[in-house]
């Protein structure tokens, strides 16, 4: 299991694709997981941390097109977990989390989901 959390915004798209190719070629099989970083998330990241080379990607299946044999197993939205719902202390917070959780598009763009791949 390869976990590379928080790395994607700091790599150019070419470097990220190269890393995935090298990892999947080095190991015969395995799994990997990392936070997703959509283009809007990376845009925000750049405003907070300065100029980072990452551009992000909106389609969690995009790496399947870049790396032969890589398959998306699961896209895990943290906002949909019962633990997050329990933390919502106000009605407004519960309604906002409920709206985000009910929409895959909103979940992808407003939170860092975990992308789980197998190769």
C-alpha atoms as a PDB file:
ATOM      1  CA  UNK A   1       0.000   0.000   0.000  1.00  0.00           C
ATOM      2  CA  UNK A   2       1.439   3.331  -1.113  1.00  0.00           C
ATOM      3  CA  UNK A   3       0.074   6.435   0.581  1.00  0.00           C
ATOM      4  CA  UNK A   4       1.146   9.824  -0.698  1.00  0.00           C
ATOM      5  CA  UNK A   5      -0.978  12.283   1.201  1.00  0.00           C
ATOM      6  CA  UNK A   6      -0.592  15.987   0.442  1.00  0.00           C
ATOM      7  CA  UNK A   7       1.891  15.497  -2.394  1.00  0.00           C
ATOM      8  CA  UNK A   8      -0.208  16.198  -5.491  1.00  0.00           C
ATOM      9  CA  UNK A   9      -0.314  20.041  -5.303  1.00  0.00           C
ATOM     10  CA  UNK A  10       3.480  20.185  -5.099  1.00  0.00           C
ATOM     11  CA  UNK A  11       4.098  18.241  -8.322  1.00  0.00           C
ATOM     12  CA  UNK A  12       3.590  19.407 -11.871  1.00  0.00           C
ATOM     13  CA  UNK A  13       1.164  17.266 -13.848  1.00  0.00           C
ATOM     14  CA  UNK A  14       4.085  15.678 -15.730  1.00  0.00           C
ATOM     15  CA  UNK A  15       5.934  14.885 -12.504  1.00  0.00           C
ATOM     16  CA  UNK A  16       2.785  13.405 -10.950  1.00  0.00           C
ATOM     17  CA  UNK A  17       2.124  11.221 -13.989  1.00  0.00           C
ATOM     18  CA  UNK A  18       5.782  10.131 -14.030  1.00  0.00           C
ATOM     19  CA  UNK A  19       5.635   9.232 -10.331  1.00  0.00           C
ATOM     20  CA  UNK A  20       2.546   7.070 -10.865  1.00  0.00           C
ATOM     21  CA  UNK A  21       4.189   5.299 -13.796  1.00  0.00           C
ATOM     22  CA  UNK A  22       7.402   4.651 -11.852  1.00  0.00           C
ATOM     23  CA  UNK A  23       5.539   3.305  -8.806  1.00  0.00           C
ATOM     24  CA  UNK A  24       3.315   0.971 -10.819  1.00  0.00           C
ATOM     25  CA  UNK A  25       6.284  -0.299 -12.850  1.00  0.00           C
ATOM     26  CA  UNK A  26       8.466  -0.829  -9.774  1.00  0.00           C
ATOM     27  CA  UNK A  27       5.894  -2.927  -7.901  1.00  0.00           C
ATOM     28  CA  UNK A  28       4.158  -5.816  -9.685  1.00  0.00           C
ATOM     29  CA  UNK A  29       0.870  -5.046  -7.993  1.00  0.00           C
ATOM     30  CA  UNK A  30      -0.428  -2.981  -5.158  1.00  0.00           C
ATOM     31  CA  UNK A  31      -2.710  -0.228  -4.043  1.00  0.00           C
ATOM     32  CA  UNK A  32      -2.256   3.472  -3.529  1.00  0.00           C
ATOM     33  CA  UNK A  33      -4.239   6.203  -1.889  1.00  0.00           C
ATOM     34  CA  UNK A  34      -3.976   9.954  -1.718  1.00  0.00           C
ATOM     35  CA  UNK A  35      -6.102  13.016  -1.204  1.00  0.00           C
ATOM     36  CA  UNK A  36      -7.748  14.321  -4.318  1.00  0.00           C
ATOM     37  CA  UNK A  37      -6.919  17.822  -5.401  1.00  0.00           C
ATOM     38  CA  UNK A  38      -9.279  19.289  -7.962  1.00  0.00           C
ATOM     39  CA  UNK A  39      -8.317  22.343  -9.982  1.00  0.00           C
ATOM     40  CA  UNK A  40     -10.370  24.639  -7.688  1.00  0.00           C
ATOM     41  CA  UNK A  41      -8.705  23.062  -4.624  1.00  0.00           C
ATOM     42  CA  UNK A  42      -5.220  23.645  -6.047  1.00  0.00           C
ATOM     43  CA  UNK A  43      -6.189  27.219  -6.975  1.00  0.00           C
ATOM     44  CA  UNK A  44      -7.136  27.796  -3.327  1.00  0.00           C
ATOM     45  CA  UNK A  45      -3.987  25.990  -2.168  1.00  0.00           C
ATOM     46  CA  UNK A  46      -1.871  28.368  -4.271  1.00  0.00           C
ATOM     47  CA  UNK A  47      -3.553  31.391  -2.688  1.00  0.00           C
ATOM     48  CA  UNK A  48      -2.737  30.090   0.803  1.00  0.00           C
ATOM     49  CA  UNK A  49       0.745  28.590   0.304  1.00  0.00           C
ATOM     50  CA  UNK A  50       2.104  30.533  -2.650  1.00  0.00           C
ATOM     51  CA  UNK A  51       3.038  29.366  -6.091  1.00  0.00           C
ATOM     52  CA  UNK A  52       2.993  25.574  -6.106  1.00  0.00           C
ATOM     53  CA  UNK A  53       3.467  23.700  -9.407  1.00  0.00           C
ATOM     54  CA  UNK A  54       0.429  21.402  -9.172  1.00  0.00           C
ATOM     55  CA  UNK A  55      -2.592  21.982 -11.370  1.00  0.00           C
ATOM     56  CA  UNK A  56      -4.942  19.360  -9.906  1.00  0.00           C
ATOM     57  CA  UNK A  57      -7.417  17.216 -11.793  1.00  0.00           C
ATOM     58  CA  UNK A  58     -11.208  17.075 -11.550  1.00  0.00           C
ATOM     59  CA  UNK A  59     -11.814  13.538 -12.820  1.00  0.00           C
ATOM     60  CA  UNK A  60     -10.704  10.859 -10.322  1.00  0.00           C
ATOM     61  CA  UNK A  61     -10.515   8.389 -13.221  1.00  0.00           C
ATOM     62  CA  UNK A  62      -7.958  10.512 -15.102  1.00  0.00           C
ATOM     63  CA  UNK A  63      -4.963   8.580 -13.662  1.00  0.00           C
ATOM     64  CA  UNK A  64      -6.447   5.401 -15.193  1.00  0.00           C
ATOM     65  CA  UNK A  65      -5.836   6.976 -18.623  1.00  0.00           C
ATOM     66  CA  UNK A  66      -2.250   7.909 -17.748  1.00  0.00           C
ATOM     67  CA  UNK A  67      -1.125   4.628 -16.197  1.00  0.00           C
ATOM     68  CA  UNK A  68      -1.820   1.215 -17.769  1.00  0.00           C
ATOM     69  CA  UNK A  69      -3.483  -1.142 -15.288  1.00  0.00           C
ATOM     70  CA  UNK A  70      -4.334   1.522 -12.696  1.00  0.00           C
ATOM     71  CA  UNK A  71      -7.978   1.312 -11.593  1.00  0.00           C
ATOM     72  CA  UNK A  72      -9.957   3.549  -9.266  1.00  0.00           C
ATOM     73  CA  UNK A  73     -11.302   1.365  -6.453  1.00  0.00           C
ATOM     74  CA  UNK A  74     -13.062   3.979  -4.383  1.00  0.00           C
ATOM     75  CA  UNK A  75     -13.514   7.701  -3.985  1.00  0.00           C
ATOM     76  CA  UNK A  76     -14.010   8.301  -0.272  1.00  0.00           C
ATOM     77  CA  UNK A  77     -15.797  11.499   0.703  1.00  0.00           C
ATOM     78  CA  UNK A  78     -15.054  12.365   4.304  1.00  0.00           C
ATOM     79  CA  UNK A  79     -18.116  14.594   4.529  1.00  0.00           C
ATOM     80  CA  UNK A  80     -20.299  11.496   4.092  1.00  0.00           C
ATOM     81  CA  UNK A  81     -18.913   9.714   7.154  1.00  0.00           C
ATOM     82  CA  UNK A  82     -21.101   9.474  10.268  1.00  0.00           C
ATOM     83  CA  UNK A  83     -18.295  10.946  12.367  1.00  0.00           C
ATOM     84  CA  UNK A  84     -18.389  14.210  10.414  1.00  0.00           C
ATOM     85  CA  UNK A  85     -22.176  14.413  10.757  1.00  0.00           C
ATOM     86  CA  UNK A  86     -21.835  13.989  14.527  1.00  0.00           C
ATOM     87  CA  UNK A  87     -19.447  16.957  14.693  1.00  0.00           C
ATOM     88  CA  UNK A  88     -22.013  19.329  13.177  1.00  0.00           C
ATOM     89  CA  UNK A  89     -23.268  21.207  16.209  1.00  0.00           C
ATOM     90  CA  UNK A  90     -25.626  23.690  14.584  1.00  0.00           C
ATOM     91  CA  UNK A  91     -28.536  23.304  12.216  1.00  0.00           C
ATOM     92  CA  UNK A  92     -26.829  25.515   9.626  1.00  0.00           C
ATOM     93  CA  UNK A  93     -23.678  23.369   9.751  1.00  0.00           C
ATOM     94  CA  UNK A  94     -25.715  20.130   9.433  1.00  0.00           C
ATOM     95  CA  UNK A  95     -27.648  21.536   6.454  1.00  0.00           C
ATOM     96  CA  UNK A  96     -24.455  22.659   4.711  1.00  0.00           C
ATOM     97  CA  UNK A  97     -22.738  19.301   5.276  1.00  0.00           C
ATOM     98  CA  UNK A  98     -25.874  17.492   4.122  1.00  0.00           C
ATOM     99  CA  UNK A  99     -25.964  19.506   0.894  1.00  0.00           C
ATOM    100  CA  UNK A 100     -22.296  18.840   0.187  1.00  0.00           C
ATOM    101  CA  UNK A 101     -22.592  15.146   1.048  1.00  0.00           C
ATOM    102  CA  UNK A 102     -25.613  14.672  -1.222  1.00  0.00           C
ATOM    103  CA  UNK A 103     -23.757  15.932  -4.297  1.00  0.00           C
ATOM    104  CA  UNK A 104     -20.730  14.181  -5.776  1.00  0.00           C
ATOM    105  CA  UNK A 105     -19.807  17.356  -7.673  1.00  0.00           C
ATOM    106  CA  UNK A 106     -19.926  19.507  -4.526  1.00  0.00           C
ATOM    107  CA  UNK A 107     -18.081  16.851  -2.537  1.00  0.00           C
ATOM    108  CA  UNK A 108     -15.303  16.699  -5.139  1.00  0.00           C
ATOM    109  CA  UNK A 109     -14.841  20.449  -5.230  1.00  0.00           C
ATOM    110  CA  UNK A 110     -15.358  21.419  -1.605  1.00  0.00           C
ATOM    111  CA  UNK A 111     -13.410  18.743   0.253  1.00  0.00           C
ATOM    112  CA  UNK A 112     -10.311  16.644  -0.176  1.00  0.00           C
ATOM    113  CA  UNK A 113     -11.664  13.183  -0.859  1.00  0.00           C
ATOM    114  CA  UNK A 114      -9.409  10.154  -0.671  1.00  0.00           C
ATOM    115  CA  UNK A 115      -8.763   8.373  -3.975  1.00  0.00           C
ATOM    116  CA  UNK A 116      -7.978   4.669  -3.666  1.00  0.00           C
ATOM    117  CA  UNK A 117      -6.431   2.911  -6.688  1.00  0.00           C
ATOM    118  CA  UNK A 118      -5.316  -0.652  -7.413  1.00  0.00           C
ATOM    119  CA  UNK A 119      -2.756  -1.803  -9.973  1.00  0.00           C
END
